[in-house]
Amino acid sequence: MRWGTVVAAAAAVVAGAGAAVLLVGRRVSDLALRPETAEHGPVAAEPVLRVHRMTAREVTLTRTVGSGRRGIYALDWPGGHAVVGDVLATDPQTVTRRIERSAGSPPADGAEVELSNRVLRGDPGSACGLDYMDVVIDGELGGLPAWYVPAVRGTWVILVHGALADRRQALPVLPVLRRLRLPALVASYRGDQGAPASPDGIGHFGETEWRDVDAAIRFAKEAGAGRIVLYGWSVGATTVLQTAARSDLRDHLAALVLDSPVLEPAASVRGVAARAGAGAVAGQLGAWAAQGRTGVDLAGLARIADGTDLAAPALLLASPQDGVAPFRDAERLAERRSDLVSLHAFPGAGHAGLWNADPARYEELLRRFLTPIL
């Protein structure tokens, strides 16, 4: 059953039953706080996509905001996978895109497919052709699996995925870091597959997860790292900001890279709920429930979101059309800390899908930002 159906059914009785209000709030907040409840990836919960026609070179899909975005994306269906690129044609009902590569059995006409940002799969070796090592970071709650991609420079980059993603989110940028000869540590944190669960089983918008990123910094320092660049997506970027403000090792931070950072948790929960088909009332109930369940220090997060304690230069990448991390929050952070924050907009991109929308521009901005830090 889709989340929109669950929420709609519960919301139908909200007016007459307080228990239903609590149910709606909890169900909706689960979408943002429990990664395992996200049935799909970062572009999930769009209207259902169906294949109208597929050949070896192109595919025609149901027209939606997501299926019509410029850039490069993945399509998945039972028994197959494809990476799609340029939009070749549109009409009021459909979008036709170029197929860059595909594997498995092609879907039948009319089959339902999933659109996501996950164009690279596997690990740094299988996806990017990079030498790497599986390592374990000694975290507060136990061992945290990570990928280490070695390089010769003393500055390390620690990469932190978003709440509804996993370590594979970092794969597209690893080749750029390798060309810059920067060692990369792709970290996991509590609640990830193979990592210890959070004691209450939910995420906390970086309020507790930052300690796992702090453990990754300690791992890097003990392995010989000089300075550290923290790089995060979505709630992972929020966690990076939390770490930069709270870690005892923050003086070792050379820079931050923030992709689609969640700076206002309530707005994020409402955005996730909207993508799942929940209405505005259910979304607000979910935001209230998330605040109560996580115990997030809203005053502390406001200081972080305003950049009050920011001490390292930051590359801030965001989309004006992001429905999960409002662009106005990124603008406010950049305006308040114009001495340290460089904001670059990716119009039309989806949440944490900025690289997908324009890989060449994204990688060039990253190169230009990191080169002086080397």
Protein backbone atom coordinates (compact mmCIF):
# COMPACT_ATOMS: atom_id res chain seq x y z
CA MET A 1 0.00 0.00 0.00
CA ARG A 2 1.36 3.44 -0.91
CA TRP A 3 1.98 5.99 1.81
CA GLY A 4 -0.47 8.43 0.28
CA THR A 5 -3.22 5.84 0.65
CA VAL A 6 -2.28 5.11 4.27
CA VAL A 7 -2.21 8.78 5.19
CA ALA A 8 -5.43 9.60 3.35
CA ALA A 9 -7.29 6.75 5.04
CA ALA A 10 -6.15 7.82 8.48
CA ALA A 11 -6.73 11.52 7.80
CA ALA A 12 -10.37 10.83 6.90
CA VAL A 13 -11.18 10.31 10.56
CA VAL A 14 -8.93 12.98 12.07
CA ALA A 15 -11.74 15.38 12.88
CA GLY A 16 -13.53 12.85 15.06
CA ALA A 17 -10.74 10.93 16.74
CA GLY A 18 -7.64 12.16 18.54
CA ALA A 19 -6.04 8.76 18.12
CA ALA A 20 -6.24 9.14 14.36
CA VAL A 21 -4.44 12.49 14.62
CA LEU A 22 -1.59 10.80 16.43
CA LEU A 23 -1.57 7.97 13.89
CA VAL A 24 -1.35 10.38 10.96
CA GLY A 25 1.43 12.37 12.62
CA ARG A 26 3.42 9.27 13.42
CA ARG A 27 2.94 7.73 9.98
CA VAL A 28 3.98 10.90 8.20
CA SER A 29 6.95 11.55 10.46
CA ASP A 30 8.14 7.99 9.81
CA LEU A 31 8.70 8.95 6.17
CA ALA A 32 11.47 11.34 7.21
CA LEU A 33 12.74 9.65 10.38
CA ARG A 34 12.82 5.97 9.43
CA PRO A 35 14.83 5.39 6.23
CA GLU A 36 13.48 1.86 5.90
CA THR A 37 9.99 3.27 5.36
CA ALA A 38 11.14 5.03 2.19
CA GLU A 39 10.19 2.45 -0.41
CA HIS A 40 12.37 4.09 -3.03
CA GLY A 41 15.24 6.53 -3.41
CA PRO A 42 15.60 10.28 -3.40
CA VAL A 43 13.24 10.87 -6.35
CA ALA A 44 10.60 8.56 -4.89
CA ALA A 45 6.92 9.29 -4.46
CA GLU A 46 6.48 11.02 -7.81
CA PRO A 47 3.28 10.03 -9.64
CA VAL A 48 3.45 6.49 -10.96
CA LEU A 49 5.66 6.20 -14.05
CA ARG A 50 4.79 3.75 -16.76
CA VAL A 51 6.68 2.77 -19.86
CA HIS A 52 4.78 3.63 -23.03
CA ARG A 53 7.50 2.35 -25.34
CA MET A 54 11.12 1.29 -24.97
CA THR A 55 13.76 0.53 -27.58
CA ALA A 56 17.51 -0.01 -27.28
CA ARG A 57 18.10 3.74 -27.64
CA GLU A 58 15.16 5.54 -26.08
CA VAL A 59 12.25 5.20 -23.68
CA THR A 60 8.90 6.96 -23.57
CA LEU A 61 7.50 7.49 -20.06
CA THR A 62 4.53 9.04 -18.32
CA ARG A 63 5.16 12.79 -18.16
CA THR A 64 5.80 14.07 -14.62
CA VAL A 65 8.00 16.74 -13.10
CA GLY A 66 10.64 14.12 -12.35
CA SER A 67 10.59 12.30 -15.68
CA GLY A 68 10.98 15.59 -17.53
CA ARG A 69 13.92 16.99 -15.56
CA ARG A 70 17.11 17.64 -17.48
CA GLY A 71 20.10 15.55 -16.56
CA ILE A 72 20.88 11.89 -16.02
CA TYR A 73 18.77 9.49 -13.92
CA ALA A 74 18.13 5.82 -13.28
CA LEU A 75 15.09 3.73 -14.10
CA ASP A 76 14.42 0.46 -12.29
CA TRP A 77 11.87 -2.28 -12.78
CA PRO A 78 11.69 -5.95 -11.76
CA GLY A 79 14.49 -7.65 -13.64
CA GLY A 80 16.08 -4.59 -15.19
CA HIS A 81 17.76 -1.21 -14.89
CA ALA A 82 18.57 1.68 -17.22
CA VAL A 83 20.29 5.04 -17.11
CA VAL A 84 18.48 7.76 -19.07
CA GLY A 85 19.88 11.04 -20.32
CA ASP A 86 18.64 13.80 -22.62
CA VAL A 87 14.96 14.54 -23.11
CA LEU A 88 14.33 13.93 -26.81
CA ALA A 89 10.65 14.81 -27.07
CA THR A 90 7.59 15.66 -24.97
CA ASP A 91 3.86 15.86 -25.41
CA PRO A 92 1.10 16.53 -22.84
CA GLN A 93 1.14 12.93 -21.58
CA THR A 94 4.64 11.56 -22.22
CA VAL A 95 8.39 12.25 -22.15
CA THR A 96 10.90 10.48 -24.39
CA ARG A 97 14.48 10.20 -23.12
CA ARG A 98 17.71 8.81 -24.48
CA ILE A 99 18.92 5.55 -22.95
CA GLU A 100 22.59 5.77 -22.01
CA ARG A 101 22.90 2.16 -20.89
CA SER A 102 20.66 -0.65 -19.71
CA ALA A 103 20.81 -4.13 -18.24
CA GLY A 104 18.38 -6.98 -17.72
CA SER A 105 15.13 -7.73 -19.46
CA PRO A 106 13.31 -4.70 -20.94
CA PRO A 107 9.98 -3.80 -19.34
CA ALA A 108 6.76 -4.46 -21.18
CA ASP A 109 4.73 -1.53 -22.47
CA GLY A 110 2.59 -0.30 -19.61
CA ALA A 111 4.94 -1.61 -16.91
CA GLU A 112 5.53 0.53 -13.83
CA VAL A 113 9.09 1.80 -13.32
CA GLU A 114 10.89 3.73 -10.59
CA LEU A 115 12.86 6.91 -11.28
CA SER A 116 15.80 7.72 -8.99
CA ASN A 117 19.11 9.57 -8.77
CA ARG A 118 21.05 6.30 -8.34
CA VAL A 119 22.84 6.09 -11.68
CA LEU A 120 25.90 4.43 -10.08
CA ARG A 121 25.61 1.19 -8.14
CA GLY A 122 27.83 -1.10 -6.18
CA ASP A 123 31.00 0.25 -4.57
CA PRO A 124 33.88 2.55 -5.58
CA GLY A 125 35.53 -0.35 -7.38
CA SER A 126 32.62 -1.75 -9.38
CA ALA A 127 30.94 1.62 -10.00
CA CYS A 128 33.94 3.92 -10.56
CA GLY A 129 36.92 1.67 -11.18
CA LEU A 130 38.70 3.02 -8.10
CA ASP A 131 40.95 1.17 -5.70
CA TYR A 132 39.37 1.24 -2.25
CA MET A 133 39.25 -0.55 1.09
CA ASP A 134 36.37 -1.55 3.33
CA VAL A 135 37.12 -0.15 6.79
CA VAL A 136 35.27 0.04 10.09
CA ILE A 137 35.08 3.24 12.15
CA ASP A 138 34.82 2.86 15.91
CA GLY A 139 31.61 4.77 16.64
CA GLU A 140 29.84 5.61 19.87
CA LEU A 141 27.36 2.76 19.41
CA GLY A 142 29.67 0.29 17.65
CA GLY A 143 31.43 -0.34 14.36
CA LEU A 144 30.46 1.85 11.38
CA PRO A 145 31.29 0.44 7.93
CA ALA A 146 32.96 2.85 5.51
CA TRP A 147 34.77 2.95 2.18
CA TYR A 148 38.26 4.41 2.08
CA VAL A 149 39.58 5.56 -1.30
CA PRO A 150 43.29 6.29 -0.88
CA ALA A 151 45.19 9.18 -2.48
CA VAL A 152 48.41 11.06 -1.81
CA ARG A 153 47.33 14.39 -0.31
CA GLY A 154 47.16 15.02 3.41
CA THR A 155 43.69 16.61 3.30
CA TRP A 156 40.93 13.99 3.53
CA VAL A 157 37.31 14.32 2.40
CA ILE A 158 34.69 12.64 4.61
CA LEU A 159 31.41 12.10 2.76
CA VAL A 160 28.05 11.75 4.54
CA HIS A 161 24.93 10.56 2.72
CA GLY A 162 21.38 11.78 3.28
CA ALA A 163 18.77 10.13 5.50
CA LEU A 164 16.83 8.44 2.70
CA ALA A 165 19.93 7.31 0.83
CA ASP A 166 23.07 5.28 1.60
CA ARG A 167 26.81 5.42 0.89
CA ARG A 168 26.21 5.00 -2.84
CA GLN A 169 25.05 8.61 -2.92
CA ALA A 170 28.72 9.63 -2.80
CA LEU A 171 29.81 7.50 -5.78
CA PRO A 172 29.40 10.17 -8.51
CA VAL A 173 31.87 12.58 -6.88
CA LEU A 174 34.58 10.08 -5.99
CA PRO A 175 36.27 10.29 -9.42
CA VAL A 176 36.55 14.09 -9.02
CA LEU A 177 38.21 13.69 -5.62
CA ARG A 178 40.53 11.06 -7.05
CA ARG A 179 41.61 13.41 -9.85
CA LEU A 180 42.40 16.00 -7.18
CA ARG A 181 44.36 13.29 -5.35
CA LEU A 182 42.26 13.72 -2.21
CA PRO A 183 41.72 10.66 0.01
CA ALA A 184 38.01 9.96 0.54
CA LEU A 185 36.28 8.31 3.47
CA VAL A 186 32.64 7.48 2.68
CA ALA A 187 31.09 7.13 6.11
CA SER A 188 27.99 5.47 7.46
CA TYR A 189 26.14 6.35 10.64
CA ARG A 190 23.69 4.89 13.13
CA GLY A 191 20.70 3.28 11.47
CA ASP A 192 22.52 2.43 8.23
CA GLN A 193 22.69 -1.13 6.95
CA GLY A 194 25.54 -2.84 8.77
CA ALA A 195 25.78 -0.06 11.38
CA PRO A 196 24.31 -0.03 14.90
CA ALA A 197 20.72 1.08 15.12
CA SER A 198 19.80 4.32 16.79
CA PRO A 199 18.51 3.47 20.30
CA ASP A 200 15.02 4.71 19.45
CA GLY A 201 15.13 3.51 15.84
CA ILE A 202 14.70 6.95 14.22
CA GLY A 203 16.87 9.69 12.76
CA HIS A 204 17.44 12.98 14.54
CA PHE A 205 18.40 15.49 11.82
CA GLY A 206 22.05 15.21 12.83
CA GLU A 207 21.40 15.88 16.51
CA THR A 208 22.88 12.49 17.45
CA GLU A 209 24.34 11.36 14.12
CA TRP A 210 27.04 14.05 14.23
CA ARG A 211 28.86 11.93 16.81
CA ASP A 212 29.35 9.24 14.16
CA VAL A 213 30.81 11.81 11.76
CA ASP A 214 33.03 12.98 14.60
CA ALA A 215 34.21 9.37 14.95
CA ALA A 216 35.04 9.39 11.22
CA ILE A 217 37.17 12.51 11.73
CA ARG A 218 39.03 10.75 14.55
CA PHE A 219 39.55 7.73 12.32
CA ALA A 220 41.02 9.94 9.60
CA LYS A 221 43.28 11.79 12.01
CA GLU A 222 44.57 8.55 13.52
CA ALA A 223 45.29 7.32 9.97
CA GLY A 224 47.46 10.35 9.28
CA ALA A 225 45.06 12.92 7.84
CA GLY A 226 46.05 16.54 8.17
CA ARG A 227 43.02 18.71 7.50
CA ILE A 228 39.47 17.48 6.84
CA VAL A 229 36.77 18.47 4.35
CA LEU A 230 33.27 17.40 5.40
CA TYR A 231 30.86 16.77 2.51
CA GLY A 232 27.18 15.99 3.01
CA TRP A 233 23.89 15.63 1.18
CA SER A 234 20.44 16.53 2.56
CA VAL A 235 20.27 15.54 6.25
CA GLY A 236 23.86 14.39 5.84
CA ALA A 237 24.74 18.02 5.11
CA THR A 238 22.83 19.04 8.24
CA THR A 239 24.88 16.48 10.16
CA VAL A 240 28.05 17.99 8.70
CA LEU A 241 27.00 21.41 10.00
CA GLN A 242 26.23 19.91 13.41
CA THR A 243 29.68 18.30 13.46
CA ALA A 244 31.41 21.52 12.42
CA ALA A 245 29.72 23.35 15.30
CA ARG A 246 30.13 20.71 18.02
CA SER A 247 33.18 18.56 17.40
CA ASP A 248 36.27 18.97 19.55
CA LEU A 249 38.19 18.49 16.29
CA ARG A 250 36.47 21.33 14.41
CA ASP A 251 39.72 23.28 14.24
CA HIS A 252 40.99 20.62 11.84
CA LEU A 253 38.21 21.32 9.32
CA ALA A 254 39.45 22.93 6.11
CA ALA A 255 36.05 23.31 4.42
CA LEU A 256 32.49 22.04 4.07
CA VAL A 257 30.52 20.99 1.00
CA LEU A 258 26.76 21.15 1.55
CA ASP A 259 24.43 19.66 -1.07
CA SER A 260 20.72 20.36 -0.47
CA PRO A 261 21.14 20.81 3.31
CA VAL A 262 18.04 20.44 5.48
CA LEU A 263 18.11 23.59 7.61
CA GLU A 264 14.49 23.55 8.81
CA PRO A 265 13.32 20.06 9.90
CA ALA A 266 9.61 20.92 9.93
CA ALA A 267 9.72 22.11 6.32
CA SER A 268 11.63 18.97 5.38
CA VAL A 269 9.04 16.66 6.92
CA ARG A 270 6.24 18.55 5.17
CA GLY A 271 8.11 18.26 1.87
CA VAL A 272 8.72 14.53 2.25
CA ALA A 273 5.05 14.07 3.14
CA ALA A 274 3.90 16.01 0.10
CA ARG A 275 6.03 13.82 -2.18
CA ALA A 276 4.40 10.78 -0.61
CA GLY A 277 0.91 12.05 -1.46
CA ALA A 278 -0.06 13.44 1.96
CA GLY A 279 -1.99 16.70 2.18
CA ALA A 280 -0.95 19.89 3.96
CA VAL A 281 -2.77 19.01 7.21
CA ALA A 282 -1.17 15.57 7.41
CA GLY A 283 2.20 17.11 6.60
CA GLN A 284 1.93 19.56 9.48
CA LEU A 285 0.88 16.78 11.84
CA GLY A 286 3.94 14.87 10.75
CA ALA A 287 6.19 17.89 11.37
CA TRP A 288 4.85 18.27 14.93
CA ALA A 289 5.24 14.55 15.55
CA ALA A 290 8.81 14.57 14.23
CA GLN A 291 9.76 17.45 16.51
CA GLY A 292 8.37 15.68 19.53
CA ARG A 293 9.86 12.28 18.70
CA THR A 294 13.37 13.48 17.88
CA GLY A 295 13.82 16.00 20.66
CA VAL A 296 15.82 18.20 18.28
CA ASP A 297 17.24 21.31 19.92
CA LEU A 298 15.48 23.82 17.69
CA ALA A 299 17.36 26.79 19.11
CA GLY A 300 20.68 25.06 18.55
CA LEU A 301 19.71 24.05 15.04
CA ALA A 302 18.64 27.63 14.30
CA ARG A 303 22.14 28.82 15.22
CA ILE A 304 23.63 26.21 12.92
CA ALA A 305 21.21 27.05 10.09
CA ASP A 306 22.10 30.74 10.41
CA GLY A 307 25.81 29.96 10.31
CA THR A 308 26.40 31.60 13.69
CA ASP A 309 29.10 29.11 14.65
CA LEU A 310 30.44 28.48 11.16
CA ALA A 311 34.23 28.75 11.05
CA ALA A 312 35.23 27.06 7.77
CA PRO A 313 34.52 28.04 4.15
CA ALA A 314 31.50 26.26 2.70
CA LEU A 315 30.35 25.43 -0.81
CA LEU A 316 26.53 25.48 -0.68
CA LEU A 317 24.67 23.83 -3.55
CA ALA A 318 20.87 23.98 -3.73
CA SER A 319 17.86 23.97 -6.03
CA PRO A 320 15.21 26.74 -6.04
CA GLN A 321 12.67 23.98 -6.78
CA ASP A 322 13.68 21.77 -3.83
CA GLY A 323 10.51 20.74 -2.02
CA VAL A 324 12.33 19.14 0.92
CA ALA A 325 15.06 21.69 1.72
CA PRO A 326 13.60 25.13 0.87
CA PHE A 327 15.95 27.32 -1.15
CA ARG A 328 15.15 30.34 1.03
CA ASP A 329 16.97 28.65 3.91
CA ALA A 330 20.10 28.23 1.78
CA GLU A 331 19.85 31.87 0.70
CA ARG A 332 19.55 33.03 4.29
CA LEU A 333 22.63 31.06 5.35
CA ALA A 334 24.61 32.45 2.41
CA GLU A 335 23.52 36.01 3.15
CA ARG A 336 24.27 35.82 6.85
CA ARG A 337 27.70 34.27 6.30
CA SER A 338 28.72 35.76 2.97
CA ASP A 339 32.29 35.83 4.29
CA LEU A 340 32.46 32.02 4.23
CA VAL A 341 29.54 30.63 2.22
CA SER A 342 29.43 30.41 -1.57
CA LEU A 343 25.91 29.55 -2.83
CA HIS A 344 25.28 28.08 -6.28
CA ALA A 345 21.77 27.35 -7.54
CA PHE A 346 20.76 24.44 -9.77
CA PRO A 347 17.37 25.50 -11.19
CA GLY A 348 14.96 22.68 -11.88
CA ALA A 349 16.89 20.04 -9.97
CA GLY A 350 15.26 17.76 -7.44
CA HIS A 351 16.27 17.38 -3.81
CA ALA A 352 19.85 16.03 -3.58
CA GLY A 353 19.75 15.53 -7.35
CA LEU A 354 21.99 18.44 -8.27
CA TRP A 355 24.79 16.32 -9.73
CA ASN A 356 22.19 14.45 -11.80
CA ALA A 357 20.82 17.70 -13.22
CA ASP A 358 24.18 18.98 -14.46
CA PRO A 359 27.16 16.70 -13.75
CA ALA A 360 29.71 18.83 -15.62
CA ARG A 361 28.82 22.07 -13.82
CA TYR A 362 28.59 20.33 -10.46
CA GLU A 363 32.02 18.76 -10.81
CA GLU A 364 33.61 22.00 -12.01
CA LEU A 365 32.22 23.94 -9.03
CA LEU A 366 33.57 21.25 -6.74
CA ARG A 367 36.99 21.35 -8.42
CA ARG A 368 37.23 25.14 -8.22
CA PHE A 369 36.22 25.17 -4.56
CA LEU A 370 38.56 22.42 -3.44
CA THR A 371 41.66 23.35 -5.46
CA PRO A 372 42.73 26.32 -3.28
CA ILE A 373 42.30 24.17 -0.17
CA LEU A 374 44.78 21.55 -1.36
